[in-house]
Amino acid sequence: MIIYSVTININQSIEAEWLEWMLKVHIPEVMQTGCFLNYYINRLIEPESQEGTSTYNIQYECLSLEMINKYQQSFAKQLQAKHTEKFNNQFVAFRTLLERL
């Protein structure tokens, strides 16, 4: 199992709006690509985020690297651009790939 992990540090002033948008718009759009089987969204408890921010991690489960490549080539750029347009300069994100053993 391959895990596409997205960690986002978001300004607390927009956290509630961001979380609602992620749960109602962004994550459903990512799942509709058909590249992922499931997802988990987690809020970082420790270490504490920088003052005035909160950190979240979304993990998308995928069967293979080929499906991740399909997502990255066909969908990621557009979906990430939509997120950036909506929350520009109010977040920092980084992405990693993990293998569940």
PDB file of N, CA and C in Angstrom:
ATOM      1  N   MET A   1       0.855  -1.175   0.000  1.00  0.00           N
ATOM      2  CA  MET A   1       0.000   0.000   0.000  1.00  0.00           C
ATOM      3  C   MET A   1       0.899   1.236   0.000  1.00  0.00           C
ATOM      4  N   ILE A   2       0.593   2.189  -0.863  1.00  0.00           N
ATOM      5  CA  ILE A   2       1.326   3.445  -0.950  1.00  0.00           C
ATOM      6  C   ILE A   2       0.469   4.532  -0.300  1.00  0.00           C
ATOM      7  N   ILE A   3       1.116   5.375   0.485  1.00  0.00           N
ATOM      8  CA  ILE A   3       0.432   6.477   1.151  1.00  0.00           C
ATOM      9  C   ILE A   3       0.964   7.786   0.576  1.00  0.00           C
ATOM     10  N   TYR A   4       0.062   8.572   0.042  1.00  0.00           N
ATOM     11  CA  TYR A   4       0.379   9.930  -0.408  1.00  0.00           C
ATOM     12  C   TYR A   4       0.026  10.840   0.756  1.00  0.00           C
ATOM     13  N   SER A   5       1.032  11.400   1.387  1.00  0.00           N
ATOM     14  CA  SER A   5       0.863  12.177   2.614  1.00  0.00           C
ATOM     15  C   SER A   5       1.051  13.652   2.330  1.00  0.00           C
ATOM     16  N   VAL A   6       0.067  14.453   2.731  1.00  0.00           N
ATOM     17  CA  VAL A   6       0.121  15.899   2.541  1.00  0.00           C
ATOM     18  C   VAL A   6       0.030  16.554   3.921  1.00  0.00           C
ATOM     19  N   THR A   7       1.064  17.292   4.285  1.00  0.00           N
ATOM     20  CA  THR A   7       1.080  18.001   5.560  1.00  0.00           C
ATOM     21  C   THR A   7       0.925  19.485   5.284  1.00  0.00           C
ATOM     22  N   ILE A   8      -0.022  20.100   5.983  1.00  0.00           N
ATOM     23  CA  ILE A   8      -0.352  21.505   5.746  1.00  0.00           C
ATOM     24  C   ILE A   8      -0.347  22.256   7.068  1.00  0.00           C
ATOM     25  N   ASN A   9       0.383  23.354   7.080  1.00  0.00           N
ATOM     26  CA  ASN A   9       0.386  24.261   8.219  1.00  0.00           C
ATOM     27  C   ASN A   9      -0.460  25.457   7.800  1.00  0.00           C
ATOM     28  N   ILE A  10      -1.567  25.699   8.530  1.00  0.00           N
ATOM     29  CA  ILE A  10      -2.561  26.684   8.116  1.00  0.00           C
ATOM     30  C   ILE A  10      -2.719  27.763   9.181  1.00  0.00           C
ATOM     31  N   ASN A  11      -2.931  29.001   8.782  1.00  0.00           N
ATOM     32  CA  ASN A  11      -3.182  30.081   9.729  1.00  0.00           C
ATOM     33  C   ASN A  11      -4.474  29.803  10.493  1.00  0.00           C
ATOM     34  N   GLN A  12      -4.432  29.960  11.806  1.00  0.00           N
ATOM     35  CA  GLN A  12      -5.612  29.679  12.629  1.00  0.00           C
ATOM     36  C   GLN A  12      -6.778  30.606  12.316  1.00  0.00           C
ATOM     37  N   SER A  13      -6.506  31.782  11.778  1.00  0.00           N
ATOM     38  CA  SER A  13      -7.581  32.723  11.460  1.00  0.00           C
ATOM     39  C   SER A  13      -8.534  32.192  10.396  1.00  0.00           C
ATOM     40  N   ILE A  14      -8.078  31.236   9.595  1.00  0.00           N
ATOM     41  CA  ILE A  14      -8.934  30.656   8.551  1.00  0.00           C
ATOM     42  C   ILE A  14      -9.090  29.146   8.726  1.00  0.00           C
ATOM     43  N   GLU A  15      -8.644  28.622   9.841  1.00  0.00           N
ATOM     44  CA  GLU A  15      -8.624  27.172  10.046  1.00  0.00           C
ATOM     45  C   GLU A  15      -9.998  26.526   9.876  1.00  0.00           C
ATOM     46  N   ALA A  16     -11.027  27.075  10.494  1.00  0.00           N
ATOM     47  CA  ALA A  16     -12.365  26.475  10.404  1.00  0.00           C
ATOM     48  C   ALA A  16     -12.867  26.464   8.960  1.00  0.00           C
ATOM     49  N   GLU A  17     -12.690  27.585   8.260  1.00  0.00           N
ATOM     50  CA  GLU A  17     -13.103  27.669   6.854  1.00  0.00           C
ATOM     51  C   GLU A  17     -12.323  26.667   6.018  1.00  0.00           C
ATOM     52  N   TRP A  18     -11.001  26.598   6.235  1.00  0.00           N
ATOM     53  CA  TRP A  18     -10.143  25.678   5.489  1.00  0.00           C
ATOM     54  C   TRP A  18     -10.560  24.227   5.720  1.00  0.00           C
ATOM     55  N   LEU A  19     -10.766  23.848   6.981  1.00  0.00           N
ATOM     56  CA  LEU A  19     -11.115  22.471   7.299  1.00  0.00           C
ATOM     57  C   LEU A  19     -12.452  22.083   6.672  1.00  0.00           C
ATOM     58  N   GLU A  20     -13.423  22.973   6.743  1.00  0.00           N
ATOM     59  CA  GLU A  20     -14.722  22.691   6.113  1.00  0.00           C
ATOM     60  C   GLU A  20     -14.565  22.516   4.607  1.00  0.00           C
ATOM     61  N   TRP A  21     -13.779  23.383   3.962  1.00  0.00           N
ATOM     62  CA  TRP A  21     -13.559  23.297   2.520  1.00  0.00           C
ATOM     63  C   TRP A  21     -12.837  22.002   2.159  1.00  0.00           C
ATOM     64  N   MET A  22     -11.849  21.637   2.970  1.00  0.00           N
ATOM     65  CA  MET A  22     -11.120  20.386   2.717  1.00  0.00           C
ATOM     66  C   MET A  22     -12.071  19.191   2.770  1.00  0.00           C
ATOM     67  N   LEU A  23     -12.909  19.142   3.797  1.00  0.00           N
ATOM     68  CA  LEU A  23     -13.793  17.993   3.993  1.00  0.00           C
ATOM     69  C   LEU A  23     -14.949  17.946   2.993  1.00  0.00           C
ATOM     70  N   LYS A  24     -15.434  19.107   2.575  1.00  0.00           N
ATOM     71  CA  LYS A  24     -16.611  19.144   1.695  1.00  0.00           C
ATOM     72  C   LYS A  24     -16.271  19.285   0.213  1.00  0.00           C
ATOM     73  N   VAL A  25     -15.083  19.851  -0.102  1.00  0.00           N
ATOM     74  CA  VAL A  25     -14.749  20.127  -1.502  1.00  0.00           C
ATOM     75  C   VAL A  25     -13.477  19.399  -1.936  1.00  0.00           C
ATOM     76  N   HIS A  26     -12.359  19.762  -1.328  1.00  0.00           N
ATOM     77  CA  HIS A  26     -11.072  19.293  -1.842  1.00  0.00           C
ATOM     78  C   HIS A  26     -10.886  17.783  -1.730  1.00  0.00           C
ATOM     79  N   ILE A  27     -11.040  17.242  -0.541  1.00  0.00           N
ATOM     80  CA  ILE A  27     -10.822  15.800  -0.379  1.00  0.00           C
ATOM     81  C   ILE A  27     -11.799  14.995  -1.231  1.00  0.00           C
ATOM     82  N   PRO A  28     -13.093  15.347  -1.280  1.00  0.00           N
ATOM     83  CA  PRO A  28     -13.971  14.614  -2.204  1.00  0.00           C
ATOM     84  C   PRO A  28     -13.517  14.695  -3.660  1.00  0.00           C
ATOM     85  N   GLU A  29     -12.981  15.845  -4.096  1.00  0.00           N
ATOM     86  CA  GLU A  29     -12.478  15.951  -5.475  1.00  0.00           C
ATOM     87  C   GLU A  29     -11.271  15.049  -5.683  1.00  0.00           C
ATOM     88  N   VAL A  30     -10.378  14.983  -4.694  1.00  0.00           N
ATOM     89  CA  VAL A  30      -9.219  14.089  -4.803  1.00  0.00           C
ATOM     90  C   VAL A  30      -9.701  12.638  -4.891  1.00  0.00           C
ATOM     91  N   MET A  31     -10.650  12.269  -4.056  1.00  0.00           N
ATOM     92  CA  MET A  31     -11.142  10.892  -4.054  1.00  0.00           C
ATOM     93  C   MET A  31     -11.879  10.559  -5.358  1.00  0.00           C
ATOM     94  N   GLN A  32     -12.536  11.537  -5.972  1.00  0.00           N
ATOM     95  CA  GLN A  32     -13.261  11.313  -7.224  1.00  0.00           C
ATOM     96  C   GLN A  32     -12.333  11.022  -8.396  1.00  0.00           C
ATOM     97  N   THR A  33     -11.039  11.268  -8.250  1.00  0.00           N
ATOM     98  CA  THR A  33     -10.103  10.946  -9.323  1.00  0.00           C
ATOM     99  C   THR A  33     -10.007   9.441  -9.545  1.00  0.00           C
ATOM    100  N   GLY A  34     -10.395   8.658  -8.544  1.00  0.00           N
ATOM    101  CA  GLY A  34     -10.304   7.208  -8.655  1.00  0.00           C
ATOM    102  C   GLY A  34      -8.921   6.649  -8.385  1.00  0.00           C
ATOM    103  N   CYS A  35      -7.998   7.497  -7.973  1.00  0.00           N
ATOM    104  CA  CYS A  35      -6.624   7.058  -7.740  1.00  0.00           C
ATOM    105  C   CYS A  35      -6.402   6.523  -6.328  1.00  0.00           C
ATOM    106  N   PHE A  36      -7.308   6.830  -5.417  1.00  0.00           N
ATOM    107  CA  PHE A  36      -7.112   6.476  -4.016  1.00  0.00           C
ATOM    108  C   PHE A  36      -8.267   5.643  -3.481  1.00  0.00           C
ATOM    109  N   LEU A  37      -7.949   4.792  -2.518  1.00  0.00           N
ATOM    110  CA  LEU A  37      -8.938   3.900  -1.919  1.00  0.00           C
ATOM    111  C   LEU A  37      -9.608   4.504  -0.696  1.00  0.00           C
ATOM    112  N   ASN A  38      -8.841   5.282   0.073  1.00  0.00           N
ATOM    113  CA  ASN A  38      -9.317   5.810   1.337  1.00  0.00           C
ATOM    114  C   ASN A  38      -8.448   6.989   1.719  1.00  0.00           C
ATOM    115  N   TYR A  39      -8.877   7.726   2.719  1.00  0.00           N
ATOM    116  CA  TYR A  39      -8.065   8.819   3.239  1.00  0.00           C
ATOM    117  C   TYR A  39      -8.279   8.936   4.748  1.00  0.00           C
ATOM    118  N   TYR A  40      -7.318   9.572   5.382  1.00  0.00           N
ATOM    119  CA  TYR A  40      -7.400   9.905   6.806  1.00  0.00           C
ATOM    120  C   TYR A  40      -6.914  11.332   6.959  1.00  0.00           C
ATOM    121  N   ILE A  41      -7.608  12.112   7.774  1.00  0.00           N
ATOM    122  CA  ILE A  41      -7.157  13.466   8.059  1.00  0.00           C
ATOM    123  C   ILE A  41      -6.861  13.536   9.556  1.00  0.00           C
ATOM    124  N   ASN A  42      -5.704  14.082   9.873  1.00  0.00           N
ATOM    125  CA  ASN A  42      -5.232  14.135  11.251  1.00  0.00           C
ATOM    126  C   ASN A  42      -4.771  15.549  11.579  1.00  0.00           C
ATOM    127  N   ARG A  43      -4.976  15.949  12.835  1.00  0.00           N
ATOM    128  CA  ARG A  43      -4.462  17.234  13.318  1.00  0.00           C
ATOM    129  C   ARG A  43      -3.262  16.961  14.204  1.00  0.00           C
ATOM    130  N   LEU A  44      -2.181  17.654  13.972  1.00  0.00           N
ATOM    131  CA  LEU A  44      -0.964  17.493  14.748  1.00  0.00           C
ATOM    132  C   LEU A  44      -1.184  17.978  16.177  1.00  0.00           C
ATOM    133  N   ILE A  45      -0.799  17.131  17.151  1.00  0.00           N
ATOM    134  CA  ILE A  45      -0.884  17.499  18.557  1.00  0.00           C
ATOM    135  C   ILE A  45       0.500  17.907  19.070  1.00  0.00           C
ATOM    136  N   GLU A  46       1.488  17.070  18.831  1.00  0.00           N
ATOM    137  CA  GLU A  46       2.867  17.356  19.243  1.00  0.00           C
ATOM    138  C   GLU A  46       3.816  17.036  18.107  1.00  0.00           C
ATOM    139  N   PRO A  47       4.854  17.786  17.901  1.00  0.00           N
ATOM    140  CA  PRO A  47       5.128  19.037  18.603  1.00  0.00           C
ATOM    141  C   PRO A  47       4.119  20.107  18.201  1.00  0.00           C
ATOM    142  N   GLU A  48       3.925  21.073  19.064  1.00  0.00           N
ATOM    143  CA  GLU A  48       2.959  22.128  18.789  1.00  0.00           C
ATOM    144  C   GLU A  48       3.357  22.902  17.536  1.00  0.00           C
ATOM    145  N   SER A  49       2.347  23.334  16.808  1.00  0.00           N
ATOM    146  CA  SER A  49       2.583  24.171  15.626  1.00  0.00           C
ATOM    147  C   SER A  49       3.072  25.545  16.075  1.00  0.00           C
ATOM    148  N   GLN A  50       3.605  26.284  15.129  1.00  0.00           N
ATOM    149  CA  GLN A  50       4.015  27.657  15.422  1.00  0.00           C
ATOM    150  C   GLN A  50       2.804  28.443  15.900  1.00  0.00           C
ATOM    151  N   GLU A  51       3.045  29.425  16.735  1.00  0.00           N
ATOM    152  CA  GLU A  51       1.953  30.244  17.264  1.00  0.00           C
ATOM    153  C   GLU A  51       1.134  30.840  16.114  1.00  0.00           C
ATOM    154  N   GLY A  52      -0.168  30.737  16.248  1.00  0.00           N
ATOM    155  CA  GLY A  52      -1.068  31.290  15.244  1.00  0.00           C
ATOM    156  C   GLY A  52      -1.348  30.360  14.080  1.00  0.00           C
ATOM    157  N   THR A  53      -0.815  29.132  14.138  1.00  0.00           N
ATOM    158  CA  THR A  53      -1.047  28.173  13.061  1.00  0.00           C
ATOM    159  C   THR A  53      -1.469  26.825  13.642  1.00  0.00           C
ATOM    160  N   SER A  54      -2.031  25.998  12.791  1.00  0.00           N
ATOM    161  CA  SER A  54      -2.342  24.608  13.109  1.00  0.00           C
ATOM    162  C   SER A  54      -1.813  23.747  11.972  1.00  0.00           C
ATOM    163  N   THR A  55      -1.459  22.506  12.306  1.00  0.00           N
ATOM    164  CA  THR A  55      -0.909  21.605  11.301  1.00  0.00           C
ATOM    165  C   THR A  55      -1.793  20.379  11.157  1.00  0.00           C
ATOM    166  N   TYR A  56      -2.069  20.027   9.908  1.00  0.00           N
ATOM    167  CA  TYR A  56      -2.876  18.861   9.574  1.00  0.00           C
ATOM    168  C   TYR A  56      -2.090  17.962   8.631  1.00  0.00           C
ATOM    169  N   ASN A  57      -2.427  16.686   8.661  1.00  0.00           N
ATOM    170  CA  ASN A  57      -1.833  15.721   7.742  1.00  0.00           C
ATOM    171  C   ASN A  57      -2.962  14.903   7.139  1.00  0.00           C
ATOM    172  N   ILE A  58      -3.002  14.866   5.812  1.00  0.00           N
ATOM    173  CA  ILE A  58      -3.982  14.045   5.099  1.00  0.00           C
ATOM    174  C   ILE A  58      -3.216  12.915   4.445  1.00  0.00           C
ATOM    175  N   GLN A  59      -3.664  11.685   4.685  1.00  0.00           N
ATOM    176  CA  GLN A  59      -3.030  10.510   4.102  1.00  0.00           C
ATOM    177  C   GLN A  59      -4.024   9.827   3.170  1.00  0.00           C
ATOM    178  N   TYR A  60      -3.636   9.747   1.917  1.00  0.00           N
ATOM    179  CA  TYR A  60      -4.454   9.090   0.900  1.00  0.00           C
ATOM    180  C   TYR A  60      -3.846   7.724   0.605  1.00  0.00           C
ATOM    181  N   GLU A  61      -4.649   6.670   0.696  1.00  0.00           N
ATOM    182  CA  GLU A  61      -4.160   5.310   0.435  1.00  0.00           C
ATOM    183  C   GLU A  61      -4.336   4.954  -1.027  1.00  0.00           C
ATOM    184  N   CYS A  62      -3.297   4.325  -1.580  1.00  0.00           N
ATOM    185  CA  CYS A  62      -3.266   3.981  -2.995  1.00  0.00           C
ATOM    186  C   CYS A  62      -2.638   2.600  -3.170  1.00  0.00           C
ATOM    187  N   LEU A  63      -3.054   1.867  -4.188  1.00  0.00           N
ATOM    188  CA  LEU A  63      -2.541   0.513  -4.397  1.00  0.00           C
ATOM    189  C   LEU A  63      -1.134   0.457  -4.975  1.00  0.00           C
ATOM    190  N   SER A  64      -0.743   1.478  -5.762  1.00  0.00           N
ATOM    191  CA  SER A  64       0.536   1.353  -6.466  1.00  0.00           C
ATOM    192  C   SER A  64       1.138   2.710  -6.796  1.00  0.00           C
ATOM    193  N   LEU A  65       2.423   2.692  -7.088  1.00  0.00           N
ATOM    194  CA  LEU A  65       3.099   3.902  -7.539  1.00  0.00           C
ATOM    195  C   LEU A  65       2.544   4.365  -8.889  1.00  0.00           C
ATOM    196  N   GLU A  66       2.089   3.431  -9.700  1.00  0.00           N
ATOM    197  CA  GLU A  66       1.489   3.796 -10.992  1.00  0.00           C
ATOM    198  C   GLU A  66       0.263   4.677 -10.790  1.00  0.00           C
ATOM    199  N   MET A  67      -0.541   4.380  -9.772  1.00  0.00           N
ATOM    200  CA  MET A  67      -1.731   5.200  -9.508  1.00  0.00           C
ATOM    201  C   MET A  67      -1.332   6.581  -8.983  1.00  0.00           C
ATOM    202  N   ILE A  68      -0.289   6.632  -8.177  1.00  0.00           N
ATOM    203  CA  ILE A  68       0.217   7.932  -7.707  1.00  0.00           C
ATOM    204  C   ILE A  68       0.701   8.750  -8.906  1.00  0.00           C
ATOM    205  N   ASN A  69       1.434   8.111  -9.804  1.00  0.00           N
ATOM    206  CA  ASN A  69       1.906   8.803 -11.006  1.00  0.00           C
ATOM    207  C   ASN A  69       0.742   9.317 -11.840  1.00  0.00           C
ATOM    208  N   LYS A  70      -0.298   8.514 -11.971  1.00  0.00           N
ATOM    209  CA  LYS A  70      -1.496   8.946 -12.708  1.00  0.00           C
ATOM    210  C   LYS A  70      -2.095  10.185 -12.045  1.00  0.00           C
ATOM    211  N   TYR A  71      -2.220  10.146 -10.721  1.00  0.00           N
ATOM    212  CA  TYR A  71      -2.773  11.289  -9.994  1.00  0.00           C
ATOM    213  C   TYR A  71      -1.908  12.529 -10.224  1.00  0.00           C
ATOM    214  N   GLN A  72      -0.603  12.374 -10.063  1.00  0.00           N
ATOM    215  CA  GLN A  72       0.291  13.521 -10.190  1.00  0.00           C
ATOM    216  C   GLN A  72       0.298  14.096 -11.608  1.00  0.00           C
ATOM    217  N   GLN A  73       0.224  13.235 -12.603  1.00  0.00           N
ATOM    218  CA  GLN A  73       0.267  13.693 -13.986  1.00  0.00           C
ATOM    219  C   GLN A  73      -1.063  14.260 -14.472  1.00  0.00           C
ATOM    220  N   SER A  74      -2.172  13.704 -13.990  1.00  0.00           N
ATOM    221  CA  SER A  74      -3.482  14.066 -14.542  1.00  0.00           C
ATOM    222  C   SER A  74      -4.321  15.004 -13.677  1.00  0.00           C
ATOM    223  N   PHE A  75      -4.073  15.020 -12.368  1.00  0.00           N
ATOM    224  CA  PHE A  75      -4.989  15.734 -11.476  1.00  0.00           C
ATOM    225  C   PHE A  75      -4.341  16.692 -10.483  1.00  0.00           C
ATOM    226  N   ALA A  76      -3.159  16.364  -9.992  1.00  0.00           N
ATOM    227  CA  ALA A  76      -2.577  17.083  -8.848  1.00  0.00           C
ATOM    228  C   ALA A  76      -2.408  18.578  -9.109  1.00  0.00           C
ATOM    229  N   LYS A  77      -1.858  18.934 -10.241  1.00  0.00           N
ATOM    230  CA  LYS A  77      -1.564  20.338 -10.525  1.00  0.00           C
ATOM    231  C   LYS A  77      -2.826  21.198 -10.441  1.00  0.00           C
ATOM    232  N   GLN A  78      -3.901  20.733 -11.047  1.00  0.00           N
ATOM    233  CA  GLN A  78      -5.154  21.492 -11.053  1.00  0.00           C
ATOM    234  C   GLN A  78      -5.745  21.590  -9.647  1.00  0.00           C
ATOM    235  N   LEU A  79      -5.761  20.486  -8.911  1.00  0.00           N
ATOM    236  CA  LEU A  79      -6.342  20.498  -7.572  1.00  0.00           C
ATOM    237  C   LEU A  79      -5.499  21.339  -6.609  1.00  0.00           C
ATOM    238  N   GLN A  80      -4.191  21.267  -6.722  1.00  0.00           N
ATOM    239  CA  GLN A  80      -3.322  22.077  -5.872  1.00  0.00           C
ATOM    240  C   GLN A  80      -3.471  23.564  -6.201  1.00  0.00           C
ATOM    241  N   ALA A  81      -3.631  23.879  -7.464  1.00  0.00           N
ATOM    242  CA  ALA A  81      -3.818  25.278  -7.872  1.00  0.00           C
ATOM    243  C   ALA A  81      -5.112  25.846  -7.297  1.00  0.00           C
ATOM    244  N   LYS A  82      -6.143  25.044  -7.277  1.00  0.00           N
ATOM    245  CA  LYS A  82      -7.427  25.469  -6.710  1.00  0.00           C
ATOM    246  C   LYS A  82      -7.276  25.775  -5.219  1.00  0.00           C
ATOM    247  N   HIS A  83      -6.552  24.915  -4.510  1.00  0.00           N
ATOM    248  CA  HIS A  83      -6.285  25.126  -3.085  1.00  0.00           C
ATOM    249  C   HIS A  83      -5.470  26.400  -2.874  1.00  0.00           C
ATOM    250  N   THR A  84      -4.429  26.577  -3.666  1.00  0.00           N
ATOM    251  CA  THR A  84      -3.569  27.749  -3.542  1.00  0.00           C
ATOM    252  C   THR A  84      -4.338  29.028  -3.833  1.00  0.00           C
ATOM    253  N   GLU A  85      -5.186  29.002  -4.840  1.00  0.00           N
ATOM    254  CA  GLU A  85      -5.979  30.182  -5.185  1.00  0.00           C
ATOM    255  C   GLU A  85      -6.894  30.582  -4.035  1.00  0.00           C
ATOM    256  N   LYS A  86      -7.510  29.609  -3.401  1.00  0.00           N
ATOM    257  CA  LYS A  86      -8.464  29.883  -2.319  1.00  0.00           C
ATOM    258  C   LYS A  86      -7.769  30.347  -1.048  1.00  0.00           C
ATOM    259  N   PHE A  87      -6.606  29.783  -0.718  1.00  0.00           N
ATOM    260  CA  PHE A  87      -5.955  30.053   0.567  1.00  0.00           C
ATOM    261  C   PHE A  87      -4.538  30.613   0.397  1.00  0.00           C
ATOM    262  N   ASN A  88      -4.316  31.346  -0.655  1.00  0.00           N
ATOM    263  CA  ASN A  88      -2.993  31.865  -0.997  1.00  0.00           C
ATOM    264  C   ASN A  88      -2.347  32.618   0.168  1.00  0.00           C
ATOM    265  N   ASN A  89      -1.063  32.333   0.398  1.00  0.00           N
ATOM    266  CA  ASN A  89      -0.245  32.980   1.433  1.00  0.00           C
ATOM    267  C   ASN A  89      -0.746  32.745   2.856  1.00  0.00           C
ATOM    268  N   GLN A  90      -1.591  31.740   3.055  1.00  0.00           N
ATOM    269  CA  GLN A  90      -2.111  31.456   4.387  1.00  0.00           C
ATOM    270  C   GLN A  90      -1.781  30.027   4.829  1.00  0.00           C
ATOM    271  N   PHE A  91      -0.925  29.344   4.071  1.00  0.00           N
ATOM    272  CA  PHE A  91      -0.561  27.973   4.406  1.00  0.00           C
ATOM    273  C   PHE A  91       0.807  27.639   3.822  1.00  0.00           C
ATOM    274  N   VAL A  92       1.376  26.573   4.367  1.00  0.00           N
ATOM    275  CA  VAL A  92       2.577  25.959   3.821  1.00  0.00           C
ATOM    276  C   VAL A  92       2.275  24.473   3.734  1.00  0.00           C
ATOM    277  N   ALA A  93       2.630  23.834   2.628  1.00  0.00           N
ATOM    278  CA  ALA A  93       2.342  22.407   2.451  1.00  0.00           C
ATOM    279  C   ALA A  93       3.580  21.676   1.958  1.00  0.00           C
ATOM    280  N   PHE A  94       3.689  20.415   2.366  1.00  0.00           N
ATOM    281  CA  PHE A  94       4.681  19.542   1.759  1.00  0.00           C
ATOM    282  C   PHE A  94       4.093  18.146   1.627  1.00  0.00           C
ATOM    283  N   ARG A  95       4.583  17.431   0.638  1.00  0.00           N
ATOM    284  CA  ARG A  95       4.030  16.129   0.279  1.00  0.00           C
ATOM    285  C   ARG A  95       5.123  15.071   0.325  1.00  0.00           C
ATOM    286  N   THR A  96       4.759  13.876   0.785  1.00  0.00           N
ATOM    287  CA  THR A  96       5.678  12.751   0.813  1.00  0.00           C
ATOM    288  C   THR A  96       4.941  11.490   0.381  1.00  0.00           C
ATOM    289  N   LEU A  97       5.719  10.503  -0.065  1.00  0.00           N
ATOM    290  CA  LEU A  97       5.174   9.195  -0.379  1.00  0.00           C
ATOM    291  C   LEU A  97       5.724   8.204   0.643  1.00  0.00           C
ATOM    292  N   LEU A  98       4.850   7.360   1.146  1.00  0.00           N
ATOM    293  CA  LEU A  98       5.210   6.353   2.129  1.00  0.00           C
ATOM    294  C   LEU A  98       4.761   4.992   1.635  1.00  0.00           C
ATOM    295  N   GLU A  99       5.419   3.971   2.109  1.00  0.00           N
ATOM    296  CA  GLU A  99       4.996   2.605   1.798  1.00  0.00           C
ATOM    297  C   GLU A  99       4.563   1.943   3.100  1.00  0.00           C
ATOM    298  N   ARG A 100       3.323   1.516   3.148  1.00  0.00           N
ATOM    299  CA  ARG A 100       2.836   0.777   4.319  1.00  0.00           C
ATOM    300  C   ARG A 100       3.278  -0.665   4.187  1.00  0.00           C
ATOM    301  N   LEU A 101       3.946  -1.159   5.197  1.00  0.00           N
ATOM    302  CA  LEU A 101       4.477  -2.529   5.174  1.00  0.00           C
ATOM    303  C   LEU A 101       3.516  -3.504   5.817  1.00  0.00           C
TER     304      LEU A 101
END
